[in-house]
Amino acid sequence: MRPDLDLGPQFRKVDLSTLSSHPPIVGSPTAPSVWAGLWPNEAATQAFAEQLSAALQKWPGGRDARIELRGNLGAGKTTLVRHLLRAAGVTGRIKSPTYAVVEPHQAGSGDRAWPIWHFDFYRFNDPHEWEDAGFRDIFAGPGLKLMEWPDKVAGQLPPPDWVIALDAIDEDQRRVQINAATERGQHWLQTWAQTHPESGHAG
């Protein structure tokens, strides 16, 4: 008969109930996964853009955020981007990147300079254009990336921090929904939901 081995305390039964206070590695189930709101008019869109601009400049890594804007033609994606660029401090004419695919912008100056890239992939047809145009280098570099029609380049884009989906109810009203697709985006969404409960809900 072989004597019983004492394998030490590391092999003894562990009461897993004592670990219930620790959040799971992938994130807390109580963290918001969606924020939804209603904009009754363009003034509400502008107010949202101003609040988001201020938040991105305050959140860690927010100036380098990747935000996809989704919605049908006329949903208000470009309008939201224009208000966001103005709120961030972009001056001068703001052109739509529909034909150029991307328009670079510079917000602020000096130490507060903030590069912002506005993409519109609606007319994007050739995946090889992604490499030829240097888009991979842009996404690897600093700056806020705002992307309209991201489905046109599926498989090329890195995961977005936020996906802002717009739905036109009528000529004035817009329904908005925000989803987070990265860990930092989830943290931002949780902060946003805590500070903007009056305009939407998280769940």
C-alpha atoms as a PDB file:
ATOM      1  CA  MET A   1       0.000   0.000   0.000  1.00  0.00           C
ATOM      2  CA  ARG A   2       1.312   3.431  -0.994  1.00  0.00           C
ATOM      3  CA  PRO A   3       1.041   6.038   1.773  1.00  0.00           C
ATOM      4  CA  ASP A   4      -1.313   8.988   1.081  1.00  0.00           C
ATOM      5  CA  LEU A   5       0.439  12.020  -0.270  1.00  0.00           C
ATOM      6  CA  ASP A   6       0.029  15.443   1.306  1.00  0.00           C
ATOM      7  CA  LEU A   7      -0.155  17.657  -1.770  1.00  0.00           C
ATOM      8  CA  GLY A   8      -0.198  20.869   0.199  1.00  0.00           C
ATOM      9  CA  PRO A   9      -2.734  23.640   0.496  1.00  0.00           C
ATOM     10  CA  GLN A  10      -2.542  24.544  -3.197  1.00  0.00           C
ATOM     11  CA  PHE A  11      -4.406  21.331  -4.076  1.00  0.00           C
ATOM     12  CA  ARG A  12      -7.083  21.557  -1.419  1.00  0.00           C
ATOM     13  CA  LYS A  13     -10.712  22.279  -2.321  1.00  0.00           C
ATOM     14  CA  VAL A  14     -11.401  25.948  -2.911  1.00  0.00           C
ATOM     15  CA  ASP A  15     -14.721  27.558  -2.076  1.00  0.00           C
ATOM     16  CA  LEU A  16     -15.473  29.475  -5.304  1.00  0.00           C
ATOM     17  CA  SER A  17     -18.251  31.397  -3.608  1.00  0.00           C
ATOM     18  CA  THR A  18     -15.571  33.573  -2.020  1.00  0.00           C
ATOM     19  CA  LEU A  19     -14.679  34.847  -5.487  1.00  0.00           C
ATOM     20  CA  SER A  20     -18.109  36.232  -6.278  1.00  0.00           C
ATOM     21  CA  SER A  21     -17.021  39.786  -5.448  1.00  0.00           C
ATOM     22  CA  HIS A  22     -14.458  39.770  -8.241  1.00  0.00           C
ATOM     23  CA  PRO A  23     -15.637  40.886 -11.714  1.00  0.00           C
ATOM     24  CA  PRO A  24     -15.095  38.458 -14.599  1.00  0.00           C
ATOM     25  CA  ILE A  25     -12.127  39.077 -16.849  1.00  0.00           C
ATOM     26  CA  VAL A  26     -14.268  40.030 -19.832  1.00  0.00           C
ATOM     27  CA  GLY A  27     -16.064  42.747 -17.880  1.00  0.00           C
ATOM     28  CA  SER A  28     -18.867  43.212 -15.443  1.00  0.00           C
ATOM     29  CA  PRO A  29     -22.308  42.014 -16.540  1.00  0.00           C
ATOM     30  CA  THR A  30     -23.749  45.195 -15.022  1.00  0.00           C
ATOM     31  CA  ALA A  31     -21.762  47.399 -17.420  1.00  0.00           C
ATOM     32  CA  PRO A  32     -23.927  48.971 -20.139  1.00  0.00           C
ATOM     33  CA  SER A  33     -23.784  47.384 -23.556  1.00  0.00           C
ATOM     34  CA  VAL A  34     -26.063  49.867 -25.309  1.00  0.00           C
ATOM     35  CA  TRP A  35     -26.981  53.512 -24.873  1.00  0.00           C
ATOM     36  CA  ALA A  36     -30.035  54.778 -26.714  1.00  0.00           C
ATOM     37  CA  GLY A  37     -31.524  58.227 -27.071  1.00  0.00           C
ATOM     38  CA  LEU A  38     -33.797  60.408 -29.147  1.00  0.00           C
ATOM     39  CA  TRP A  39     -32.826  63.670 -30.836  1.00  0.00           C
ATOM     40  CA  PRO A  40     -35.964  65.746 -31.512  1.00  0.00           C
ATOM     41  CA  ASN A  41     -34.125  68.172 -33.790  1.00  0.00           C
ATOM     42  CA  GLU A  42     -30.708  69.169 -35.117  1.00  0.00           C
ATOM     43  CA  ALA A  43     -30.055  71.267 -32.017  1.00  0.00           C
ATOM     44  CA  ALA A  44     -30.092  68.032 -30.011  1.00  0.00           C
ATOM     45  CA  THR A  45     -27.624  66.503 -32.477  1.00  0.00           C
ATOM     46  CA  GLN A  46     -25.338  69.502 -31.995  1.00  0.00           C
ATOM     47  CA  ALA A  47     -25.608  69.260 -28.202  1.00  0.00           C
ATOM     48  CA  PHE A  48     -24.694  65.568 -28.337  1.00  0.00           C
ATOM     49  CA  ALA A  49     -21.694  66.336 -30.571  1.00  0.00           C
ATOM     50  CA  GLU A  50     -20.457  69.037 -28.197  1.00  0.00           C
ATOM     51  CA  GLN A  51     -20.771  66.727 -25.195  1.00  0.00           C
ATOM     52  CA  LEU A  52     -19.027  63.882 -27.031  1.00  0.00           C
ATOM     53  CA  SER A  53     -16.181  66.150 -28.166  1.00  0.00           C
ATOM     54  CA  ALA A  54     -15.568  67.292 -24.598  1.00  0.00           C
ATOM     55  CA  ALA A  55     -15.689  63.699 -23.332  1.00  0.00           C
ATOM     56  CA  LEU A  56     -13.269  62.341 -25.949  1.00  0.00           C
ATOM     57  CA  GLN A  57     -10.717  64.990 -25.033  1.00  0.00           C
ATOM     58  CA  LYS A  58     -11.011  64.014 -21.385  1.00  0.00           C
ATOM     59  CA  TRP A  59     -11.187  60.217 -21.563  1.00  0.00           C
ATOM     60  CA  PRO A  60      -7.849  58.298 -21.634  1.00  0.00           C
ATOM     61  CA  GLY A  61      -7.185  57.513 -25.289  1.00  0.00           C
ATOM     62  CA  GLY A  62     -10.292  59.387 -26.399  1.00  0.00           C
ATOM     63  CA  ARG A  63      -8.412  61.557 -28.880  1.00  0.00           C
ATOM     64  CA  ASP A  64      -7.449  58.393 -30.756  1.00  0.00           C
ATOM     65  CA  ALA A  65     -10.927  56.851 -30.722  1.00  0.00           C
ATOM     66  CA  ARG A  66     -12.335  54.885 -33.649  1.00  0.00           C
ATOM     67  CA  ILE A  67     -16.019  55.634 -34.164  1.00  0.00           C
ATOM     68  CA  GLU A  68     -18.215  54.063 -36.829  1.00  0.00           C
ATOM     69  CA  LEU A  69     -21.350  55.910 -37.908  1.00  0.00           C
ATOM     70  CA  ARG A  70     -24.115  53.741 -39.299  1.00  0.00           C
ATOM     71  CA  GLY A  71     -27.474  54.568 -40.839  1.00  0.00           C
ATOM     72  CA  ASN A  72     -29.248  54.923 -44.164  1.00  0.00           C
ATOM     73  CA  LEU A  73     -28.792  57.836 -46.538  1.00  0.00           C
ATOM     74  CA  GLY A  74     -30.173  60.943 -44.893  1.00  0.00           C
ATOM     75  CA  ALA A  75     -29.948  59.536 -41.377  1.00  0.00           C
ATOM     76  CA  GLY A  76     -27.729  62.409 -40.267  1.00  0.00           C
ATOM     77  CA  LYS A  77     -24.269  60.836 -40.085  1.00  0.00           C
ATOM     78  CA  THR A  78     -22.452  63.654 -41.883  1.00  0.00           C
ATOM     79  CA  THR A  79     -24.411  66.275 -39.932  1.00  0.00           C
ATOM     80  CA  LEU A  80     -23.268  64.690 -36.684  1.00  0.00           C
ATOM     81  CA  VAL A  81     -19.663  64.628 -37.891  1.00  0.00           C
ATOM     82  CA  ARG A  82     -19.764  68.305 -38.871  1.00  0.00           C
ATOM     83  CA  HIS A  83     -21.083  69.301 -35.463  1.00  0.00           C
ATOM     84  CA  LEU A  84     -18.462  67.103 -33.796  1.00  0.00           C
ATOM     85  CA  LEU A  85     -15.650  68.668 -35.835  1.00  0.00           C
ATOM     86  CA  ARG A  86     -16.829  72.184 -34.998  1.00  0.00           C
ATOM     87  CA  ALA A  87     -17.124  71.281 -31.320  1.00  0.00           C
ATOM     88  CA  ALA A  88     -13.575  69.886 -31.390  1.00  0.00           C
ATOM     89  CA  GLY A  89     -12.258  73.188 -32.734  1.00  0.00           C
ATOM     90  CA  VAL A  90     -11.972  72.586 -36.484  1.00  0.00           C
ATOM     91  CA  THR A  91     -12.213  75.879 -38.339  1.00  0.00           C
ATOM     92  CA  GLY A  92     -12.682  76.717 -42.003  1.00  0.00           C
ATOM     93  CA  ARG A  93     -14.695  74.816 -44.541  1.00  0.00           C
ATOM     94  CA  ILE A  94     -15.636  71.230 -43.704  1.00  0.00           C
ATOM     95  CA  LYS A  95     -15.891  69.168 -46.881  1.00  0.00           C
ATOM     96  CA  SER A  96     -17.616  65.834 -47.245  1.00  0.00           C
ATOM     97  CA  PRO A  97     -15.179  63.002 -48.040  1.00  0.00           C
ATOM     98  CA  THR A  98     -17.692  61.223 -50.281  1.00  0.00           C
ATOM     99  CA  TYR A  99     -15.423  61.417 -53.350  1.00  0.00           C
ATOM    100  CA  ALA A 100     -12.031  61.710 -51.639  1.00  0.00           C
ATOM    101  CA  VAL A 101     -12.853  58.847 -49.203  1.00  0.00           C
ATOM    102  CA  VAL A 102     -11.007  60.657 -46.389  1.00  0.00           C
ATOM    103  CA  GLU A 103     -10.691  64.254 -45.261  1.00  0.00           C
ATOM    104  CA  PRO A 104      -8.020  65.118 -42.686  1.00  0.00           C
ATOM    105  CA  HIS A 105      -8.678  67.858 -40.131  1.00  0.00           C
ATOM    106  CA  GLN A 106      -6.677  69.570 -37.436  1.00  0.00           C
ATOM    107  CA  ALA A 107      -8.456  70.697 -34.289  1.00  0.00           C
ATOM    108  CA  GLY A 108      -6.764  73.145 -31.971  1.00  0.00           C
ATOM    109  CA  SER A 109      -3.142  74.229 -32.141  1.00  0.00           C
ATOM    110  CA  GLY A 110       0.162  73.823 -30.359  1.00  0.00           C
ATOM    111  CA  ASP A 111       0.118  71.286 -27.540  1.00  0.00           C
ATOM    112  CA  ARG A 112      -3.649  71.003 -27.911  1.00  0.00           C
ATOM    113  CA  ALA A 113      -3.500  70.060 -31.607  1.00  0.00           C
ATOM    114  CA  TRP A 114      -5.754  67.135 -32.369  1.00  0.00           C
ATOM    115  CA  PRO A 115      -5.753  65.273 -35.712  1.00  0.00           C
ATOM    116  CA  ILE A 116      -9.152  64.046 -36.851  1.00  0.00           C
ATOM    117  CA  TRP A 117      -9.798  61.829 -39.879  1.00  0.00           C
ATOM    118  CA  HIS A 118     -13.247  61.715 -41.472  1.00  0.00           C
ATOM    119  CA  PHE A 119     -13.790  58.686 -43.717  1.00  0.00           C
ATOM    120  CA  ASP A 120     -16.691  58.045 -46.065  1.00  0.00           C
ATOM    121  CA  PHE A 121     -16.391  54.602 -47.642  1.00  0.00           C
ATOM    122  CA  TYR A 122     -19.661  54.784 -49.610  1.00  0.00           C
ATOM    123  CA  ARG A 123     -17.865  54.712 -52.991  1.00  0.00           C
ATOM    124  CA  PHE A 124     -15.123  52.352 -51.854  1.00  0.00           C
ATOM    125  CA  ASN A 125     -15.020  49.370 -54.239  1.00  0.00           C
ATOM    126  CA  ASP A 126     -11.508  47.957 -54.425  1.00  0.00           C
ATOM    127  CA  PRO A 127     -10.003  46.389 -51.281  1.00  0.00           C
ATOM    128  CA  HIS A 128      -6.541  47.017 -52.731  1.00  0.00           C
ATOM    129  CA  GLU A 129      -7.233  50.722 -52.415  1.00  0.00           C
ATOM    130  CA  TRP A 130      -6.986  50.277 -48.651  1.00  0.00           C
ATOM    131  CA  GLU A 131      -3.273  49.504 -48.868  1.00  0.00           C
ATOM    132  CA  ASP A 132      -2.541  51.858 -51.774  1.00  0.00           C
ATOM    133  CA  ALA A 133      -4.119  54.832 -50.015  1.00  0.00           C
ATOM    134  CA  GLY A 134      -2.179  54.247 -46.805  1.00  0.00           C
ATOM    135  CA  PHE A 135      -5.294  53.839 -44.675  1.00  0.00           C
ATOM    136  CA  ARG A 136      -3.625  51.179 -42.549  1.00  0.00           C
ATOM    137  CA  ASP A 137      -0.940  53.694 -41.556  1.00  0.00           C
ATOM    138  CA  ILE A 138      -3.591  56.278 -40.687  1.00  0.00           C
ATOM    139  CA  PHE A 139      -5.386  53.886 -38.370  1.00  0.00           C
ATOM    140  CA  ALA A 140      -2.097  52.887 -36.765  1.00  0.00           C
ATOM    141  CA  GLY A 141      -1.295  56.530 -36.053  1.00  0.00           C
ATOM    142  CA  PRO A 142      -2.766  59.083 -33.643  1.00  0.00           C
ATOM    143  CA  GLY A 143      -6.012  60.933 -34.119  1.00  0.00           C
ATOM    144  CA  LEU A 144      -9.759  60.490 -33.977  1.00  0.00           C
ATOM    145  CA  LYS A 145     -11.153  58.334 -36.808  1.00  0.00           C
ATOM    146  CA  LEU A 146     -14.775  58.900 -37.816  1.00  0.00           C
ATOM    147  CA  MET A 147     -16.066  56.354 -40.336  1.00  0.00           C
ATOM    148  CA  GLU A 148     -19.216  56.471 -42.451  1.00  0.00           C
ATOM    149  CA  TRP A 149     -20.324  53.349 -44.363  1.00  0.00           C
ATOM    150  CA  PRO A 150     -17.815  51.009 -42.637  1.00  0.00           C
ATOM    151  CA  ASP A 151     -19.536  47.959 -44.163  1.00  0.00           C
ATOM    152  CA  LYS A 152     -17.931  48.847 -47.495  1.00  0.00           C
ATOM    153  CA  VAL A 153     -14.526  47.914 -46.051  1.00  0.00           C
ATOM    154  CA  ALA A 154     -15.538  44.966 -43.898  1.00  0.00           C
ATOM    155  CA  GLY A 155     -12.504  42.985 -42.838  1.00  0.00           C
ATOM    156  CA  GLN A 156     -10.122  45.903 -43.284  1.00  0.00           C
ATOM    157  CA  LEU A 157     -11.052  48.167 -40.385  1.00  0.00           C
ATOM    158  CA  PRO A 158      -9.817  47.566 -36.838  1.00  0.00           C
ATOM    159  CA  PRO A 159     -12.546  47.091 -34.200  1.00  0.00           C
ATOM    160  CA  PRO A 160     -14.357  50.363 -33.490  1.00  0.00           C
ATOM    161  CA  ASP A 161     -14.446  51.720 -29.969  1.00  0.00           C
ATOM    162  CA  TRP A 162     -17.985  52.940 -30.563  1.00  0.00           C
ATOM    163  CA  VAL A 163     -20.643  52.275 -33.171  1.00  0.00           C
ATOM    164  CA  ILE A 164     -23.159  55.121 -33.363  1.00  0.00           C
ATOM    165  CA  ALA A 165     -26.262  54.048 -35.286  1.00  0.00           C
ATOM    166  CA  LEU A 166     -28.738  56.684 -36.452  1.00  0.00           C
ATOM    167  CA  ASP A 167     -32.307  56.121 -37.588  1.00  0.00           C
ATOM    168  CA  ALA A 168     -34.407  58.923 -39.095  1.00  0.00           C
ATOM    169  CA  ILE A 169     -37.912  58.886 -37.634  1.00  0.00           C
ATOM    170  CA  ASP A 170     -38.989  61.900 -39.676  1.00  0.00           C
ATOM    171  CA  GLU A 171     -37.411  65.034 -41.121  1.00  0.00           C
ATOM    172  CA  ASP A 172     -36.298  66.272 -37.705  1.00  0.00           C
ATOM    173  CA  GLN A 173     -36.195  63.403 -35.215  1.00  0.00           C
ATOM    174  CA  ARG A 174     -33.376  60.886 -34.980  1.00  0.00           C
ATOM    175  CA  ARG A 175     -33.129  57.761 -32.901  1.00  0.00           C
ATOM    176  CA  VAL A 176     -29.537  57.072 -31.784  1.00  0.00           C
ATOM    177  CA  GLN A 177     -27.954  53.948 -30.368  1.00  0.00           C
ATOM    178  CA  ILE A 178     -24.371  53.494 -29.185  1.00  0.00           C
ATOM    179  CA  ASN A 179     -22.594  50.146 -28.891  1.00  0.00           C
ATOM    180  CA  ALA A 180     -19.029  49.541 -27.722  1.00  0.00           C
ATOM    181  CA  ALA A 181     -16.750  47.017 -29.440  1.00  0.00           C
ATOM    182  CA  THR A 182     -13.512  47.458 -27.466  1.00  0.00           C
ATOM    183  CA  GLU A 183     -12.609  47.382 -23.797  1.00  0.00           C
ATOM    184  CA  ARG A 184     -11.853  51.085 -23.642  1.00  0.00           C
ATOM    185  CA  GLY A 185     -15.013  51.827 -25.583  1.00  0.00           C
ATOM    186  CA  GLN A 186     -16.959  49.870 -22.976  1.00  0.00           C
ATOM    187  CA  HIS A 187     -15.425  51.989 -20.210  1.00  0.00           C
ATOM    188  CA  TRP A 188     -16.343  55.163 -22.103  1.00  0.00           C
ATOM    189  CA  LEU A 189     -19.888  53.917 -22.642  1.00  0.00           C
ATOM    190  CA  GLN A 190     -20.280  53.184 -18.954  1.00  0.00           C
ATOM    191  CA  THR A 191     -19.072  56.685 -18.093  1.00  0.00           C
ATOM    192  CA  TRP A 192     -21.321  58.212 -20.740  1.00  0.00           C
ATOM    193  CA  ALA A 193     -24.385  56.339 -19.471  1.00  0.00           C
ATOM    194  CA  GLN A 194     -23.710  57.505 -15.929  1.00  0.00           C
ATOM    195  CA  THR A 195     -23.438  61.154 -16.937  1.00  0.00           C
ATOM    196  CA  HIS A 196     -26.185  61.176 -19.587  1.00  0.00           C
ATOM    197  CA  PRO A 197     -29.024  59.081 -18.153  1.00  0.00           C
ATOM    198  CA  GLU A 198     -31.609  61.694 -19.027  1.00  0.00           C
ATOM    199  CA  SER A 199     -31.189  61.284 -22.794  1.00  0.00           C
ATOM    200  CA  GLY A 200     -31.145  57.530 -23.159  1.00  0.00           C
ATOM    201  CA  HIS A 201     -30.730  54.242 -21.395  1.00  0.00           C
ATOM    202  CA  ALA A 202     -28.134  51.514 -21.074  1.00  0.00           C
ATOM    203  CA  GLY A 203     -28.857  47.854 -20.889  1.00  0.00           C
END
